[in-house]
Protein backbone atom coordinates (compact mmCIF):
# COMPACT_ATOMS: atom_id res chain seq x y z
CA MET A 1 -1.84 -14.49 26.18
CA ALA A 2 0.78 -13.40 23.66
CA GLU A 3 -0.33 -11.11 20.88
CA ARG A 4 -0.42 -12.73 17.47
CA THR A 5 2.00 -11.45 14.85
CA ARG A 6 0.53 -8.87 12.49
CA THR A 7 1.61 -8.82 8.86
CA ILE A 8 2.27 -5.51 7.12
CA ALA A 9 2.32 -5.60 3.32
CA VAL A 10 4.35 -2.85 1.68
CA VAL A 11 3.65 -2.12 -1.98
CA THR A 12 6.13 0.23 -3.63
CA ALA A 13 6.07 1.33 -7.25
CA GLY A 14 9.49 2.91 -7.56
CA LEU A 15 11.15 2.20 -10.90
CA SER A 16 14.80 2.86 -10.15
CA GLN A 17 17.04 0.90 -7.82
CA PRO A 18 17.60 2.26 -5.28
CA SER A 19 14.62 4.62 -5.28
CA LEU A 20 13.30 7.31 -2.96
CA THR A 21 9.92 5.61 -3.21
CA ARG A 22 11.36 2.42 -1.70
CA MET A 23 13.22 4.47 0.92
CA LEU A 24 9.98 6.13 2.02
CA ALA A 25 8.22 2.75 2.10
CA ASP A 26 10.98 1.29 4.29
CA ARG A 27 10.81 4.16 6.75
CA LEU A 28 7.05 3.91 7.06
CA ALA A 29 7.29 0.16 7.64
CA GLN A 30 10.00 0.57 10.29
CA ALA A 31 8.07 3.29 12.09
CA THR A 32 4.83 1.31 12.05
CA SER A 33 6.55 -1.82 13.36
CA ALA A 34 8.11 0.25 16.14
CA ARG A 35 4.74 1.70 17.12
CA LEU A 36 3.15 -1.75 17.22
CA ALA A 37 6.08 -3.05 19.26
CA GLU A 38 5.29 -0.35 21.83
CA LYS A 39 1.86 -1.96 22.11
CA GLY A 40 3.42 -5.40 22.56
CA ILE A 41 2.38 -6.53 19.08
CA PRO A 42 5.00 -8.34 16.96
CA THR A 43 5.04 -7.70 13.24
CA GLU A 44 6.22 -9.26 10.01
CA VAL A 45 6.89 -6.90 7.11
CA LYS A 46 6.56 -8.13 3.53
CA ILE A 47 7.83 -5.74 0.87
CA PHE A 48 6.74 -6.00 -2.76
CA GLU A 49 8.43 -3.94 -5.44
CA LEU A 50 6.01 -3.75 -8.35
CA ARG A 51 8.87 -3.38 -10.84
CA ASP A 52 9.53 -7.07 -10.19
CA VAL A 53 6.06 -8.07 -11.45
CA ALA A 54 5.50 -5.32 -14.03
CA LEU A 55 5.21 -7.71 -16.98
CA ASP A 56 2.96 -10.02 -14.97
CA VAL A 57 0.63 -7.12 -14.17
CA MET A 58 0.41 -6.13 -17.84
CA ASN A 59 -0.24 -9.72 -18.93
CA ASN A 60 -2.98 -9.97 -16.30
CA MET A 61 -4.62 -6.86 -17.71
CA LEU A 62 -4.51 -8.35 -21.21
CA THR A 63 -5.64 -11.87 -20.34
CA GLY A 64 -7.61 -11.50 -17.10
CA PHE A 65 -5.46 -14.12 -15.35
CA PRO A 66 -2.48 -13.64 -13.01
CA SER A 67 0.77 -15.56 -13.29
CA PRO A 68 1.70 -17.73 -10.29
CA LYS A 69 4.23 -15.05 -9.30
CA LEU A 70 1.69 -12.24 -9.38
CA ASP A 71 -0.94 -14.45 -7.74
CA ALA A 72 1.40 -14.97 -4.76
CA VAL A 73 1.94 -11.22 -4.42
CA ILE A 74 -1.79 -10.47 -4.59
CA GLU A 75 -2.57 -13.15 -2.01
CA ALA A 76 0.07 -11.81 0.38
CA VAL A 77 -1.10 -8.21 0.01
CA THR A 78 -4.83 -8.88 0.33
CA GLY A 79 -4.29 -11.25 3.26
CA ALA A 80 -2.18 -8.83 5.32
CA ASP A 81 -3.24 -7.04 8.50
CA GLY A 82 -2.17 -3.66 7.18
CA LEU A 83 -0.99 -2.04 3.97
CA ILE A 84 1.56 0.64 3.15
CA ALA A 85 1.18 1.78 -0.46
CA VAL A 86 3.77 4.11 -1.96
CA THR A 87 4.00 5.45 -5.50
CA PRO A 88 5.98 8.02 -7.41
CA ILE A 89 3.85 10.77 -8.94
CA PHE A 90 3.87 10.95 -12.74
CA THR A 91 1.80 13.51 -14.66
CA THR A 92 -0.09 14.57 -11.52
CA SER A 93 -1.18 11.05 -10.53
CA ALA A 94 0.03 7.66 -9.34
CA SER A 95 2.32 5.74 -11.65
CA GLY A 96 0.63 3.54 -14.22
CA LEU A 97 2.22 0.45 -12.69
CA PHE A 98 0.85 1.29 -9.24
CA LYS A 99 -2.66 1.91 -10.57
CA SER A 100 -2.56 -1.20 -12.76
CA PHE A 101 -1.62 -3.45 -9.83
CA PHE A 102 -4.66 -2.32 -7.86
CA ASP A 103 -6.78 -2.64 -11.00
CA VAL A 104 -6.06 -6.35 -11.33
CA ILE A 105 -7.05 -7.31 -7.80
CA ASP A 106 -10.70 -7.85 -6.98
CA ASN A 107 -12.32 -4.63 -5.78
CA ARG A 108 -13.55 -6.35 -2.59
CA SER A 109 -10.26 -7.85 -1.51
CA LEU A 110 -9.03 -4.78 0.41
CA THR A 111 -12.26 -4.23 2.33
CA ASP A 112 -11.51 -2.93 5.87
CA MET A 113 -7.74 -3.04 5.22
CA PRO A 114 -5.87 -0.54 7.48
CA THR A 115 -3.85 1.47 4.97
CA VAL A 116 -1.37 4.31 4.76
CA ILE A 117 -0.83 5.98 1.41
CA ALA A 118 2.36 7.81 0.47
CA ALA A 119 4.02 9.30 -2.58
CA THR A 120 7.25 10.80 -3.84
CA ALA A 121 7.91 13.42 -6.51
CA GLY A 122 10.51 15.93 -7.58
CA THR A 123 8.66 18.95 -6.24
CA ALA A 124 6.04 19.68 -3.60
CA ARG A 125 3.56 20.94 -6.21
CA HIS A 126 2.46 17.31 -6.74
CA SER A 127 1.52 16.72 -3.10
CA LEU A 128 -2.23 17.11 -3.65
CA ALA A 129 -2.23 14.02 -5.88
CA LEU A 130 -2.45 11.91 -2.73
CA ASP A 131 -5.85 13.33 -1.89
CA TYR A 132 -7.40 13.84 -5.32
CA ALA A 133 -6.08 10.75 -7.11
CA ILE A 134 -4.82 8.09 -4.69
CA ARG A 135 -7.05 8.34 -1.62
CA PRO A 136 -10.26 8.05 -3.69
CA MET A 137 -8.98 4.82 -5.25
CA PHE A 138 -8.48 3.18 -1.86
CA THR A 139 -11.80 4.54 -0.64
CA TYR A 140 -13.43 2.88 -3.65
CA LEU A 141 -11.69 -0.36 -2.64
CA HIS A 142 -13.23 0.03 0.86
CA ALA A 143 -9.86 0.19 2.60
CA VAL A 144 -9.63 2.06 5.92
CA VAL A 145 -7.18 4.81 4.97
CA ALA A 146 -5.26 6.65 7.70
CA THR A 147 -5.96 10.36 7.89
CA THR A 148 -2.31 11.27 7.43
CA ALA A 149 -0.83 10.66 3.99
CA VAL A 150 2.91 11.13 3.53
CA PHE A 151 4.32 13.06 0.59
CA ALA A 152 8.07 13.41 0.10
CA ALA A 153 9.50 15.84 -2.42
CA ALA A 154 13.17 15.77 -3.34
CA GLU A 155 13.95 18.62 -0.95
CA ASP A 156 12.45 16.69 1.99
CA TRP A 157 15.47 14.39 1.98
CA GLY A 158 18.06 17.15 2.20
CA SER A 159 19.06 20.15 4.27
CA GLY A 160 16.30 22.26 2.77
CA ALA A 161 13.54 20.14 4.29
CA ASP A 162 10.38 21.65 5.73
CA THR A 163 11.17 22.86 9.24
CA VAL A 164 7.51 23.09 10.30
CA LYS A 165 6.59 19.42 9.88
CA THR A 166 9.63 17.46 8.79
CA LEU A 167 9.41 14.24 6.82
CA PRO A 168 10.31 12.13 9.91
CA ASP A 169 7.49 13.87 11.80
CA ARG A 170 5.00 13.06 9.06
CA ILE A 171 6.19 9.47 8.84
CA ASP A 172 5.88 9.04 12.60
CA ARG A 173 2.36 10.47 12.65
CA ALA A 174 1.17 8.26 9.79
CA ALA A 175 2.82 5.21 11.38
CA GLY A 176 1.07 5.90 14.66
CA GLU A 177 -2.29 6.09 12.92
CA LEU A 178 -1.68 2.89 10.96
CA ALA A 179 -0.47 1.04 14.06
CA ALA A 180 -3.64 2.04 15.92
CA LEU A 181 -5.81 0.85 13.03
CA ILE A 182 -3.98 -2.48 12.80
CA ALA A 183 -4.12 -3.05 16.55
CA ALA A 184 -7.88 -2.46 16.58
CA SER A 185 -8.65 -4.43 13.42
CA ASP A 186 -9.96 -7.97 13.39
CA ARG A 187 -9.89 -8.11 9.59
CA SER A 188 -7.59 -11.14 9.34
CA ASP A 189 -9.72 -13.07 11.81
CA SER A 190 -12.86 -12.40 9.81
CA VAL A 191 -11.53 -12.93 6.28
CA ARG A 192 -13.24 -15.94 4.72
CA ASP A 193 -12.54 -17.94 1.63
CA PRO A 194 -14.20 -15.79 -1.04
CA PHE A 195 -15.45 -18.88 -2.84
CA THR A 196 -17.72 -19.59 0.13
CA ILE A 197 -19.27 -16.16 -0.38
CA ASP A 198 -19.65 -16.09 -4.14
CA ALA A 199 -18.58 -18.89 -6.43
CA SER A 200 -17.88 -16.40 -9.20
CA PHE A 201 -15.55 -14.27 -7.11
CA SER A 202 -11.79 -14.56 -7.39
CA PRO A 203 -9.37 -12.46 -5.32
CA THR A 204 -7.09 -12.23 -8.34
CA GLY A 205 -9.74 -11.71 -10.98
CA GLY A 206 -10.58 -8.07 -10.43
CA PHE A 207 -9.76 -6.91 -13.93
CA GLN A 208 -11.74 -8.58 -16.68
CA PRO A 209 -10.95 -6.99 -20.05
CA SER A 210 -13.97 -6.56 -22.28
CA ILE A 211 -12.57 -4.35 -25.01
């Protein structure tokens, strides 16, 4: 029996166009698709640049309701078989846009989601932000986060890249871990309409402003 197609959602919070954040996201998606192909599993990659829904995210935070455009993005991301989440690092943490997007989705909608986290920054001194700021957020959301997180500083893209574990090496390792998690996951088969679980629950109503 042929393997069903797995969907990989890629969320990237780069602000410029083109951006190194998007480049890292693309490479992770390509490597993960290649690893799944080795297992005979076809994939469909859906890439979402948060800069395209920035105003929608802010309006959702102010009103508690997503626009149809943002609602479609949230539905695609939360309904995927795997997630690649990539952010630039600003002031030692994820970008505000990246954090705000995950604030407006329901905090149960990523439960058991196979996930790889990644980040970009100008210098390697920001690399720990992945583990002290970004990984805890996805743990709180009950995602299954791959052990390897990928950080890319500006020098990782040039001739001065780390010769011990190069960026392509780190991407390949993270992709292998995510591919294994996706292949073993039955999350999509077990996802139910949230309204049959709790009539008050909405997959796009995670952020309810009270102040």
